[in-house]
Amino acid sequence: MATRLNETALRHARSLVRDGRVVRDERDDWSEHAPAAADENRFIDREGWTEYRHWHLGVDDDEKDETKGAYTFPYGDFSKVHRCAVISLESRAGQYGHDDIRDAAKKLLELIDAD
């Protein structure tokens, strides 16, 4: 798996946090707050793959661009950054050895918690 940090998504996430578009929820809330597959499909139909890509800190270069499998480590609900998503992705990225994604998530979490 050739997953790498999606720098564009990271910039997007930071901008959302600076603009106050963040949900400061708890660690285990992501299972409840994560968009369902149908929500993802509607978002893709409405906004396109480029916008979908902006909501994921990981990109798998081994997958085709216009597939959900190409984008990993979501950080929000297509409207706001969720603190619980960032915590979850930081942990998963660390578990799978994606240190650049883990480190970016940690800094994003620090930005969220700074307010």
N, C-alpha and C. Protein backbone atom coordinates (compact mmCIF):
# COMPACT_ATOMS: atom_id res chain seq x y z
N MET A 1 0.85 -1.18 0.00
CA MET A 1 0.00 0.00 0.00
C MET A 1 0.89 1.24 0.00
N ALA A 2 0.69 2.08 -0.98
CA ALA A 2 1.52 3.28 -1.13
C ALA A 2 0.75 4.51 -0.67
N THR A 3 0.38 4.53 0.58
CA THR A 3 -0.39 5.66 1.11
C THR A 3 0.56 6.77 1.54
N ARG A 4 0.22 7.96 1.12
CA ARG A 4 1.04 9.13 1.45
C ARG A 4 0.15 10.24 2.00
N LEU A 5 0.78 11.20 2.63
CA LEU A 5 0.08 12.36 3.18
C LEU A 5 -0.48 13.22 2.04
N ASN A 6 -1.73 13.57 2.17
CA ASN A 6 -2.40 14.45 1.22
C ASN A 6 -2.24 15.89 1.73
N GLU A 7 -1.23 16.56 1.23
CA GLU A 7 -0.89 17.92 1.69
C GLU A 7 -2.03 18.90 1.44
N THR A 8 -2.73 18.75 0.32
CA THR A 8 -3.84 19.65 0.01
C THR A 8 -4.95 19.49 1.05
N ALA A 9 -5.25 18.26 1.43
CA ALA A 9 -6.28 18.01 2.45
C ALA A 9 -5.85 18.57 3.79
N LEU A 10 -4.57 18.46 4.11
CA LEU A 10 -4.07 18.99 5.37
C LEU A 10 -4.24 20.52 5.41
N ARG A 11 -3.91 21.19 4.32
CA ARG A 11 -4.11 22.64 4.25
C ARG A 11 -5.60 22.99 4.39
N HIS A 12 -6.44 22.21 3.75
CA HIS A 12 -7.89 22.42 3.84
C HIS A 12 -8.36 22.27 5.28
N ALA A 13 -7.91 21.22 5.95
CA ALA A 13 -8.30 20.98 7.34
C ALA A 13 -7.84 22.12 8.24
N ARG A 14 -6.62 22.56 8.08
CA ARG A 14 -6.11 23.67 8.90
C ARG A 14 -6.94 24.93 8.69
N SER A 15 -7.29 25.19 7.45
CA SER A 15 -8.09 26.36 7.13
C SER A 15 -9.47 26.27 7.79
N LEU A 16 -10.07 25.10 7.75
CA LEU A 16 -11.37 24.92 8.39
C LEU A 16 -11.29 25.16 9.89
N VAL A 17 -10.24 24.64 10.51
CA VAL A 17 -10.07 24.84 11.96
C VAL A 17 -9.88 26.31 12.27
N ARG A 18 -9.05 26.98 11.51
CA ARG A 18 -8.83 28.43 11.74
C ARG A 18 -10.12 29.22 11.56
N ASP A 19 -11.00 28.74 10.67
CA ASP A 19 -12.28 29.42 10.43
C ASP A 19 -13.36 29.00 11.44
N GLY A 20 -13.00 28.16 12.39
CA GLY A 20 -13.95 27.73 13.41
C GLY A 20 -14.89 26.63 12.97
N ARG A 21 -14.61 26.01 11.85
CA ARG A 21 -15.47 24.94 11.35
C ARG A 21 -14.95 23.60 11.87
N VAL A 22 -15.14 23.41 13.17
CA VAL A 22 -14.62 22.23 13.86
C VAL A 22 -15.62 21.79 14.92
N VAL A 23 -15.72 20.49 15.11
CA VAL A 23 -16.54 19.90 16.18
C VAL A 23 -15.57 19.35 17.20
N ARG A 24 -15.63 19.87 18.41
CA ARG A 24 -14.71 19.43 19.46
C ARG A 24 -15.37 18.31 20.27
N ASP A 25 -15.48 17.18 19.62
CA ASP A 25 -16.13 16.02 20.23
C ASP A 25 -15.11 15.12 20.90
N GLU A 26 -15.58 14.02 21.43
CA GLU A 26 -14.74 13.10 22.19
C GLU A 26 -14.19 11.98 21.31
N ARG A 27 -13.15 11.35 21.77
CA ARG A 27 -12.41 10.33 21.04
C ARG A 27 -13.28 9.28 20.37
N ASP A 28 -14.22 8.71 21.07
CA ASP A 28 -14.99 7.59 20.53
C ASP A 28 -16.22 8.00 19.73
N ASP A 29 -16.42 9.28 19.50
CA ASP A 29 -17.60 9.76 18.79
C ASP A 29 -17.56 9.53 17.29
N TRP A 30 -16.39 9.25 16.72
CA TRP A 30 -16.27 9.15 15.27
C TRP A 30 -17.15 8.05 14.69
N SER A 31 -17.33 6.95 15.39
CA SER A 31 -18.18 5.88 14.86
C SER A 31 -19.61 6.38 14.66
N GLU A 32 -20.03 7.34 15.45
CA GLU A 32 -21.37 7.92 15.32
C GLU A 32 -21.39 9.09 14.33
N HIS A 33 -20.29 9.82 14.22
CA HIS A 33 -20.25 11.05 13.43
C HIS A 33 -19.76 10.86 12.00
N ALA A 34 -19.10 9.76 11.73
CA ALA A 34 -18.55 9.53 10.39
C ALA A 34 -19.66 9.45 9.35
N PRO A 35 -19.46 10.05 8.19
CA PRO A 35 -20.47 9.96 7.14
C PRO A 35 -20.68 8.51 6.69
N ALA A 36 -21.93 8.16 6.47
CA ALA A 36 -22.26 6.84 5.94
C ALA A 36 -21.90 6.78 4.46
N ALA A 37 -21.81 5.58 3.93
CA ALA A 37 -21.47 5.41 2.52
C ALA A 37 -22.42 6.19 1.61
N ALA A 38 -23.70 6.20 1.94
CA ALA A 38 -24.67 6.95 1.13
C ALA A 38 -24.38 8.45 1.17
N ASP A 39 -23.96 8.96 2.33
CA ASP A 39 -23.60 10.37 2.45
C ASP A 39 -22.37 10.68 1.59
N GLU A 40 -21.41 9.77 1.62
CA GLU A 40 -20.22 9.95 0.79
C GLU A 40 -20.59 9.99 -0.68
N ASN A 41 -21.46 9.06 -1.10
CA ASN A 41 -21.88 9.01 -2.51
C ASN A 41 -22.59 10.29 -2.93
N ARG A 42 -23.46 10.79 -2.08
CA ARG A 42 -24.15 12.05 -2.40
C ARG A 42 -23.16 13.20 -2.52
N PHE A 43 -22.19 13.24 -1.60
CA PHE A 43 -21.18 14.29 -1.65
C PHE A 43 -20.39 14.21 -2.95
N ILE A 44 -19.97 13.02 -3.33
CA ILE A 44 -19.21 12.84 -4.57
C ILE A 44 -20.05 13.26 -5.77
N ASP A 45 -21.32 12.87 -5.80
CA ASP A 45 -22.20 13.24 -6.90
C ASP A 45 -22.37 14.76 -7.00
N ARG A 46 -22.48 15.40 -5.86
CA ARG A 46 -22.71 16.84 -5.81
C ARG A 46 -21.44 17.66 -6.04
N GLU A 47 -20.33 17.25 -5.38
CA GLU A 47 -19.11 18.07 -5.37
C GLU A 47 -17.97 17.52 -6.22
N GLY A 48 -17.96 16.23 -6.49
CA GLY A 48 -16.92 15.62 -7.31
C GLY A 48 -15.79 15.00 -6.49
N TRP A 49 -14.95 14.28 -7.19
CA TRP A 49 -13.86 13.54 -6.55
C TRP A 49 -12.80 14.45 -5.95
N THR A 50 -12.53 15.59 -6.58
CA THR A 50 -11.51 16.49 -6.05
C THR A 50 -11.88 16.98 -4.67
N GLU A 51 -13.13 17.37 -4.50
CA GLU A 51 -13.58 17.82 -3.18
C GLU A 51 -13.58 16.67 -2.18
N TYR A 52 -13.98 15.49 -2.61
CA TYR A 52 -13.95 14.31 -1.73
C TYR A 52 -12.52 14.06 -1.24
N ARG A 53 -11.58 14.18 -2.13
CA ARG A 53 -10.17 13.98 -1.80
C ARG A 53 -9.70 14.95 -0.72
N HIS A 54 -10.24 16.17 -0.72
CA HIS A 54 -9.83 17.19 0.24
C HIS A 54 -10.20 16.84 1.68
N TRP A 55 -11.02 15.84 1.88
CA TRP A 55 -11.48 15.45 3.22
C TRP A 55 -10.75 14.22 3.76
N HIS A 56 -9.64 13.84 3.14
CA HIS A 56 -8.88 12.65 3.55
C HIS A 56 -7.40 12.97 3.60
N LEU A 57 -6.76 12.67 4.73
CA LEU A 57 -5.33 12.97 4.87
C LEU A 57 -4.44 11.95 4.19
N GLY A 58 -5.00 10.83 3.76
CA GLY A 58 -4.21 9.82 3.08
C GLY A 58 -4.67 9.59 1.66
N VAL A 59 -3.70 9.39 0.76
CA VAL A 59 -3.97 9.05 -0.63
C VAL A 59 -3.16 7.79 -0.95
N ASP A 60 -3.85 6.78 -1.48
CA ASP A 60 -3.18 5.53 -1.86
C ASP A 60 -2.93 5.58 -3.37
N ASP A 61 -1.69 5.77 -3.75
CA ASP A 61 -1.33 5.91 -5.16
C ASP A 61 -1.47 4.61 -5.94
N ASP A 62 -1.66 3.49 -5.26
CA ASP A 62 -1.87 2.22 -5.95
C ASP A 62 -3.32 2.03 -6.40
N GLU A 63 -4.21 2.89 -5.92
CA GLU A 63 -5.63 2.80 -6.28
C GLU A 63 -5.96 3.83 -7.37
N LYS A 64 -7.03 3.56 -8.09
CA LYS A 64 -7.49 4.51 -9.12
C LYS A 64 -8.02 5.77 -8.44
N ASP A 65 -7.74 6.93 -9.04
CA ASP A 65 -8.10 8.23 -8.46
C ASP A 65 -9.58 8.35 -8.11
N GLU A 66 -10.44 7.95 -8.97
CA GLU A 66 -11.87 8.16 -8.75
C GLU A 66 -12.53 6.93 -8.14
N THR A 67 -11.93 6.45 -7.05
CA THR A 67 -12.51 5.37 -6.26
C THR A 67 -12.33 5.74 -4.78
N LYS A 68 -13.25 5.28 -3.97
CA LYS A 68 -13.13 5.58 -2.54
C LYS A 68 -11.90 4.93 -1.93
N GLY A 69 -11.44 3.83 -2.49
CA GLY A 69 -10.27 3.15 -1.98
C GLY A 69 -8.99 3.95 -2.08
N ALA A 70 -9.00 4.98 -2.91
CA ALA A 70 -7.81 5.81 -3.09
C ALA A 70 -7.62 6.80 -1.95
N TYR A 71 -8.67 7.02 -1.15
CA TYR A 71 -8.63 8.06 -0.13
C TYR A 71 -8.88 7.47 1.24
N THR A 72 -7.95 7.72 2.15
CA THR A 72 -8.01 7.15 3.49
C THR A 72 -7.81 8.24 4.55
N PHE A 73 -8.07 7.89 5.76
CA PHE A 73 -7.89 8.78 6.90
C PHE A 73 -8.75 10.05 6.80
N PRO A 74 -10.08 9.87 6.79
CA PRO A 74 -10.97 11.04 6.78
C PRO A 74 -10.89 11.81 8.09
N TYR A 75 -11.08 13.12 8.01
CA TYR A 75 -10.98 13.96 9.21
C TYR A 75 -12.26 14.75 9.50
N GLY A 76 -13.30 14.56 8.71
CA GLY A 76 -14.51 15.33 8.95
C GLY A 76 -15.72 14.80 8.21
N ASP A 77 -16.78 15.59 8.25
CA ASP A 77 -18.08 15.17 7.73
C ASP A 77 -18.49 15.93 6.47
N PHE A 78 -17.53 16.49 5.74
CA PHE A 78 -17.75 17.27 4.52
C PHE A 78 -18.29 18.67 4.81
N SER A 79 -18.32 19.02 6.09
CA SER A 79 -18.73 20.35 6.49
C SER A 79 -17.77 20.92 7.53
N LYS A 80 -17.41 20.06 8.50
CA LYS A 80 -16.54 20.46 9.60
C LYS A 80 -15.51 19.38 9.89
N VAL A 81 -14.40 19.82 10.46
CA VAL A 81 -13.39 18.91 10.99
C VAL A 81 -13.93 18.36 12.32
N HIS A 82 -13.77 17.08 12.52
CA HIS A 82 -14.19 16.47 13.79
C HIS A 82 -12.94 16.06 14.57
N ARG A 83 -12.86 16.55 15.78
CA ARG A 83 -11.74 16.21 16.66
C ARG A 83 -11.62 14.69 16.81
N CYS A 84 -12.75 14.00 16.95
CA CYS A 84 -12.74 12.55 17.12
C CYS A 84 -12.15 11.85 15.89
N ALA A 85 -12.40 12.38 14.71
CA ALA A 85 -11.85 11.79 13.49
C ALA A 85 -10.34 11.95 13.45
N VAL A 86 -9.86 13.11 13.87
CA VAL A 86 -8.42 13.37 13.86
C VAL A 86 -7.72 12.45 14.86
N ILE A 87 -8.33 12.26 16.03
CA ILE A 87 -7.76 11.34 17.02
C ILE A 87 -7.72 9.93 16.46
N SER A 88 -8.80 9.52 15.85
CA SER A 88 -8.89 8.17 15.28
C SER A 88 -7.87 7.96 14.17
N LEU A 89 -7.76 8.92 13.28
CA LEU A 89 -6.82 8.73 12.17
C LEU A 89 -5.38 8.80 12.63
N GLU A 90 -5.11 9.60 13.65
CA GLU A 90 -3.74 9.64 14.19
C GLU A 90 -3.34 8.26 14.71
N SER A 91 -4.24 7.64 15.44
CA SER A 91 -3.98 6.32 16.00
C SER A 91 -3.80 5.27 14.90
N ARG A 92 -4.71 5.25 13.94
CA ARG A 92 -4.64 4.27 12.86
C ARG A 92 -3.40 4.47 11.99
N ALA A 93 -3.07 5.72 11.71
CA ALA A 93 -1.88 5.99 10.90
C ALA A 93 -0.63 5.47 11.61
N GLY A 94 -0.56 5.69 12.91
CA GLY A 94 0.57 5.18 13.68
C GLY A 94 0.63 3.67 13.68
N GLN A 95 -0.52 3.02 13.81
CA GLN A 95 -0.57 1.55 13.81
C GLN A 95 -0.05 0.96 12.51
N TYR A 96 -0.32 1.64 11.40
CA TYR A 96 0.05 1.11 10.09
C TYR A 96 1.34 1.71 9.53
N GLY A 97 2.06 2.45 10.36
CA GLY A 97 3.37 2.95 9.97
C GLY A 97 3.36 4.14 9.03
N HIS A 98 2.27 4.87 8.98
CA HIS A 98 2.20 6.08 8.16
C HIS A 98 2.57 7.27 9.05
N ASP A 99 3.85 7.37 9.33
CA ASP A 99 4.33 8.35 10.30
C ASP A 99 4.06 9.79 9.89
N ASP A 100 4.14 10.08 8.59
CA ASP A 100 3.89 11.44 8.14
C ASP A 100 2.43 11.84 8.37
N ILE A 101 1.52 10.91 8.14
CA ILE A 101 0.09 11.18 8.38
C ILE A 101 -0.18 11.29 9.87
N ARG A 102 0.42 10.39 10.65
CA ARG A 102 0.27 10.44 12.11
C ARG A 102 0.75 11.78 12.66
N ASP A 103 1.92 12.21 12.22
CA ASP A 103 2.49 13.47 12.71
C ASP A 103 1.65 14.68 12.29
N ALA A 104 1.14 14.66 11.07
CA ALA A 104 0.28 15.75 10.61
C ALA A 104 -1.01 15.79 11.42
N ALA A 105 -1.57 14.62 11.72
CA ALA A 105 -2.80 14.56 12.52
C ALA A 105 -2.55 15.09 13.93
N LYS A 106 -1.40 14.75 14.49
CA LYS A 106 -1.07 15.24 15.83
C LYS A 106 -1.01 16.76 15.85
N LYS A 107 -0.38 17.35 14.84
CA LYS A 107 -0.29 18.82 14.79
C LYS A 107 -1.67 19.44 14.54
N LEU A 108 -2.49 18.77 13.75
CA LEU A 108 -3.85 19.26 13.52
C LEU A 108 -4.65 19.21 14.81
N LEU A 109 -4.48 18.16 15.57
CA LEU A 109 -5.17 18.04 16.86
C LEU A 109 -4.71 19.14 17.81
N GLU A 110 -3.42 19.45 17.81
CA GLU A 110 -2.92 20.54 18.64
C GLU A 110 -3.55 21.87 18.23
N LEU A 111 -3.74 22.07 16.93
CA LEU A 111 -4.38 23.30 16.44
C LEU A 111 -5.84 23.36 16.92
N ILE A 112 -6.52 22.23 16.87
CA ILE A 112 -7.90 22.17 17.32
C ILE A 112 -7.98 22.49 18.82
N ASP A 113 -7.10 21.90 19.59
CA ASP A 113 -7.14 22.04 21.04
C ASP A 113 -6.58 23.37 21.54
N ALA A 114 -5.94 24.13 20.66
CA ALA A 114 -5.34 25.41 21.07
C ALA A 114 -6.38 26.48 21.37
N ASP A 115 -7.54 26.33 20.80
CA ASP A 115 -8.59 27.35 21.02
C ASP A 115 -9.25 27.21 22.36
